[in-house]
Amino acid sequence: MKKTIIFLSISVISLCAPKQSYTDGSAYALRDYFSTKNKEIITTSKIMKLEDKIYAQKIKYRTFSSFGKPQIKEKIFIIKDINSEYTFVEKIEDLNIIDIAYN
């Protein structure tokens, strides 16, 4: 009986957070942002819950400048649950603001 209760509680928790891609670890809500060929994901963090229906994920990715020079960027992406659908709403470029939460 205890095993069944634990399994049910874990499955309910997993339904509440945005789903991540099995291939690169990014949230499915960020698919449109990373769908171009010039953005390649290097590493991703776990999706963290900030507030009720607001989540964040830190992603390091490779991109190219307007001059074609390769760059590595790391940003925190804010994902919000709007009407039971997860939507990318903001990216934070200054990682010093929230970086403490990921350490």
C-alpha atoms as a PDB file:
ATOM      1  CA  MET A   1       0.000   0.000   0.000  1.00  0.00           C
ATOM      2  CA  LYS A   2       2.819   2.436   0.806  1.00  0.00           C
ATOM      3  CA  LYS A   3       4.408   1.890  -2.605  1.00  0.00           C
ATOM      4  CA  THR A   4       1.168   2.767  -4.371  1.00  0.00           C
ATOM      5  CA  ILE A   5       0.710   5.975  -2.392  1.00  0.00           C
ATOM      6  CA  ILE A   6       4.293   7.081  -3.050  1.00  0.00           C
ATOM      7  CA  PHE A   7       3.949   6.354  -6.760  1.00  0.00           C
ATOM      8  CA  LEU A   8       0.737   8.361  -7.020  1.00  0.00           C
ATOM      9  CA  SER A   9       2.215  11.372  -5.232  1.00  0.00           C
ATOM     10  CA  ILE A  10       5.282  11.388  -7.488  1.00  0.00           C
ATOM     11  CA  SER A  11       3.169  11.151 -10.645  1.00  0.00           C
ATOM     12  CA  VAL A  12       0.965  14.054  -9.518  1.00  0.00           C
ATOM     13  CA  ILE A  13       4.028  16.217  -8.830  1.00  0.00           C
ATOM     14  CA  SER A  14       5.495  15.474 -12.255  1.00  0.00           C
ATOM     15  CA  LEU A  15       2.280  16.582 -13.982  1.00  0.00           C
ATOM     16  CA  CYS A  16       2.477  20.028 -12.380  1.00  0.00           C
ATOM     17  CA  ALA A  17       5.837  21.134 -13.848  1.00  0.00           C
ATOM     18  CA  PRO A  18       6.659  21.944 -17.488  1.00  0.00           C
ATOM     19  CA  LYS A  19       7.865  18.920 -19.430  1.00  0.00           C
ATOM     20  CA  GLN A  20      11.473  18.723 -20.628  1.00  0.00           C
ATOM     21  CA  SER A  21      12.780  17.379 -23.922  1.00  0.00           C
ATOM     22  CA  TYR A  22      14.506  14.006 -23.680  1.00  0.00           C
ATOM     23  CA  THR A  23      17.055  14.980 -26.329  1.00  0.00           C
ATOM     24  CA  ASP A  24      18.442  18.255 -24.976  1.00  0.00           C
ATOM     25  CA  GLY A  25      16.717  18.821 -21.615  1.00  0.00           C
ATOM     26  CA  SER A  26      15.061  22.113 -22.520  1.00  0.00           C
ATOM     27  CA  ALA A  27      11.442  22.827 -21.620  1.00  0.00           C
ATOM     28  CA  TYR A  28       8.976  22.238 -24.439  1.00  0.00           C
ATOM     29  CA  ALA A  29       7.757  25.821 -23.964  1.00  0.00           C
ATOM     30  CA  LEU A  30      11.147  26.996 -25.315  1.00  0.00           C
ATOM     31  CA  ARG A  31      10.942  25.012 -28.588  1.00  0.00           C
ATOM     32  CA  ASP A  32      10.208  28.064 -30.725  1.00  0.00           C
ATOM     33  CA  TYR A  33      13.153  30.000 -29.266  1.00  0.00           C
ATOM     34  CA  PHE A  34      15.633  27.180 -29.970  1.00  0.00           C
ATOM     35  CA  SER A  35      14.127  25.988 -33.262  1.00  0.00           C
ATOM     36  CA  THR A  36      16.570  27.947 -35.449  1.00  0.00           C
ATOM     37  CA  LYS A  37      19.733  26.266 -36.716  1.00  0.00           C
ATOM     38  CA  ASN A  38      22.026  28.946 -35.279  1.00  0.00           C
ATOM     39  CA  LYS A  39      21.149  28.065 -31.628  1.00  0.00           C
ATOM     40  CA  GLU A  40      22.503  24.821 -30.192  1.00  0.00           C
ATOM     41  CA  ILE A  41      21.868  23.866 -26.563  1.00  0.00           C
ATOM     42  CA  ILE A  42      24.978  22.895 -24.594  1.00  0.00           C
ATOM     43  CA  THR A  43      23.625  22.334 -21.058  1.00  0.00           C
ATOM     44  CA  THR A  44      20.336  22.769 -19.234  1.00  0.00           C
ATOM     45  CA  SER A  45      19.376  22.883 -15.574  1.00  0.00           C
ATOM     46  CA  LYS A  46      16.358  21.327 -13.948  1.00  0.00           C
ATOM     47  CA  ILE A  47      13.182  23.364 -14.147  1.00  0.00           C
ATOM     48  CA  MET A  48      12.694  25.227 -10.864  1.00  0.00           C
ATOM     49  CA  LYS A  49       9.395  26.487  -9.475  1.00  0.00           C
ATOM     50  CA  LEU A  50       9.667  30.174  -8.530  1.00  0.00           C
ATOM     51  CA  GLU A  51       6.061  30.942  -7.616  1.00  0.00           C
ATOM     52  CA  ASP A  52       2.649  29.488  -8.225  1.00  0.00           C
ATOM     53  CA  LYS A  53       2.499  28.713 -11.981  1.00  0.00           C
ATOM     54  CA  ILE A  54       5.882  30.394 -12.664  1.00  0.00           C
ATOM     55  CA  TYR A  55       9.004  28.338 -13.437  1.00  0.00           C
ATOM     56  CA  ALA A  56      12.598  29.006 -14.504  1.00  0.00           C
ATOM     57  CA  GLN A  57      15.266  27.083 -16.392  1.00  0.00           C
ATOM     58  CA  LYS A  58      18.907  28.040 -16.929  1.00  0.00           C
ATOM     59  CA  ILE A  59      20.265  27.128 -20.360  1.00  0.00           C
ATOM     60  CA  LYS A  60      23.742  27.493 -21.834  1.00  0.00           C
ATOM     61  CA  TYR A  61      23.737  27.533 -25.624  1.00  0.00           C
ATOM     62  CA  ARG A  62      25.904  28.271 -28.647  1.00  0.00           C
ATOM     63  CA  THR A  63      24.808  30.927 -31.116  1.00  0.00           C
ATOM     64  CA  PHE A  64      26.345  33.282 -33.669  1.00  0.00           C
ATOM     65  CA  SER A  65      26.694  37.063 -33.641  1.00  0.00           C
ATOM     66  CA  SER A  66      25.459  39.216 -36.513  1.00  0.00           C
ATOM     67  CA  PHE A  67      29.002  39.009 -37.926  1.00  0.00           C
ATOM     68  CA  GLY A  68      29.007  35.200 -37.856  1.00  0.00           C
ATOM     69  CA  LYS A  69      31.300  34.853 -34.835  1.00  0.00           C
ATOM     70  CA  PRO A  70      30.377  31.910 -32.552  1.00  0.00           C
ATOM     71  CA  GLN A  71      29.272  32.888 -29.030  1.00  0.00           C
ATOM     72  CA  ILE A  72      28.326  30.949 -25.934  1.00  0.00           C
ATOM     73  CA  LYS A  73      25.465  32.467 -23.931  1.00  0.00           C
ATOM     74  CA  GLU A  74      23.825  31.459 -20.679  1.00  0.00           C
ATOM     75  CA  LYS A  75      20.390  32.764 -19.758  1.00  0.00           C
ATOM     76  CA  ILE A  76      17.542  32.022 -17.405  1.00  0.00           C
ATOM     77  CA  PHE A  77      14.211  31.518 -19.137  1.00  0.00           C
ATOM     78  CA  ILE A  78      10.967  32.220 -17.293  1.00  0.00           C
ATOM     79  CA  ILE A  79       8.039  29.919 -18.118  1.00  0.00           C
ATOM     80  CA  LYS A  80       4.483  30.643 -16.999  1.00  0.00           C
ATOM     81  CA  ASP A  81       1.413  28.424 -16.813  1.00  0.00           C
ATOM     82  CA  ILE A  82      -1.335  30.317 -18.639  1.00  0.00           C
ATOM     83  CA  ASN A  83      -4.669  28.469 -18.862  1.00  0.00           C
ATOM     84  CA  SER A  84      -2.932  25.086 -18.296  1.00  0.00           C
ATOM     85  CA  GLU A  85      -0.475  25.735 -21.133  1.00  0.00           C
ATOM     86  CA  TYR A  86       3.191  26.504 -20.446  1.00  0.00           C
ATOM     87  CA  THR A  87       4.441  29.602 -22.256  1.00  0.00           C
ATOM     88  CA  PHE A  88       7.885  31.198 -22.460  1.00  0.00           C
ATOM     89  CA  VAL A  89       7.437  34.765 -21.190  1.00  0.00           C
ATOM     90  CA  GLU A  90      10.869  36.253 -20.468  1.00  0.00           C
ATOM     91  CA  LYS A  91      14.618  35.639 -20.562  1.00  0.00           C
ATOM     92  CA  ILE A  92      16.993  37.071 -17.980  1.00  0.00           C
ATOM     93  CA  GLU A  93      20.438  37.924 -19.244  1.00  0.00           C
ATOM     94  CA  ASP A  94      21.971  39.099 -15.951  1.00  0.00           C
ATOM     95  CA  LEU A  95      22.544  35.779 -14.195  1.00  0.00           C
ATOM     96  CA  ASN A  96      23.793  37.425 -10.997  1.00  0.00           C
ATOM     97  CA  ILE A  97      20.191  38.222 -10.060  1.00  0.00           C
ATOM     98  CA  ILE A  98      18.976  34.627  -9.728  1.00  0.00           C
ATOM     99  CA  ASP A  99      22.192  32.586  -9.827  1.00  0.00           C
ATOM    100  CA  ILE A 100      22.094  31.959  -6.070  1.00  0.00           C
ATOM    101  CA  ALA A 101      19.033  29.743  -6.482  1.00  0.00           C
ATOM    102  CA  TYR A 102      20.885  27.394  -8.832  1.00  0.00           C
ATOM    103  CA  ASN A 103      23.952  26.872  -6.579  1.00  0.00           C
END
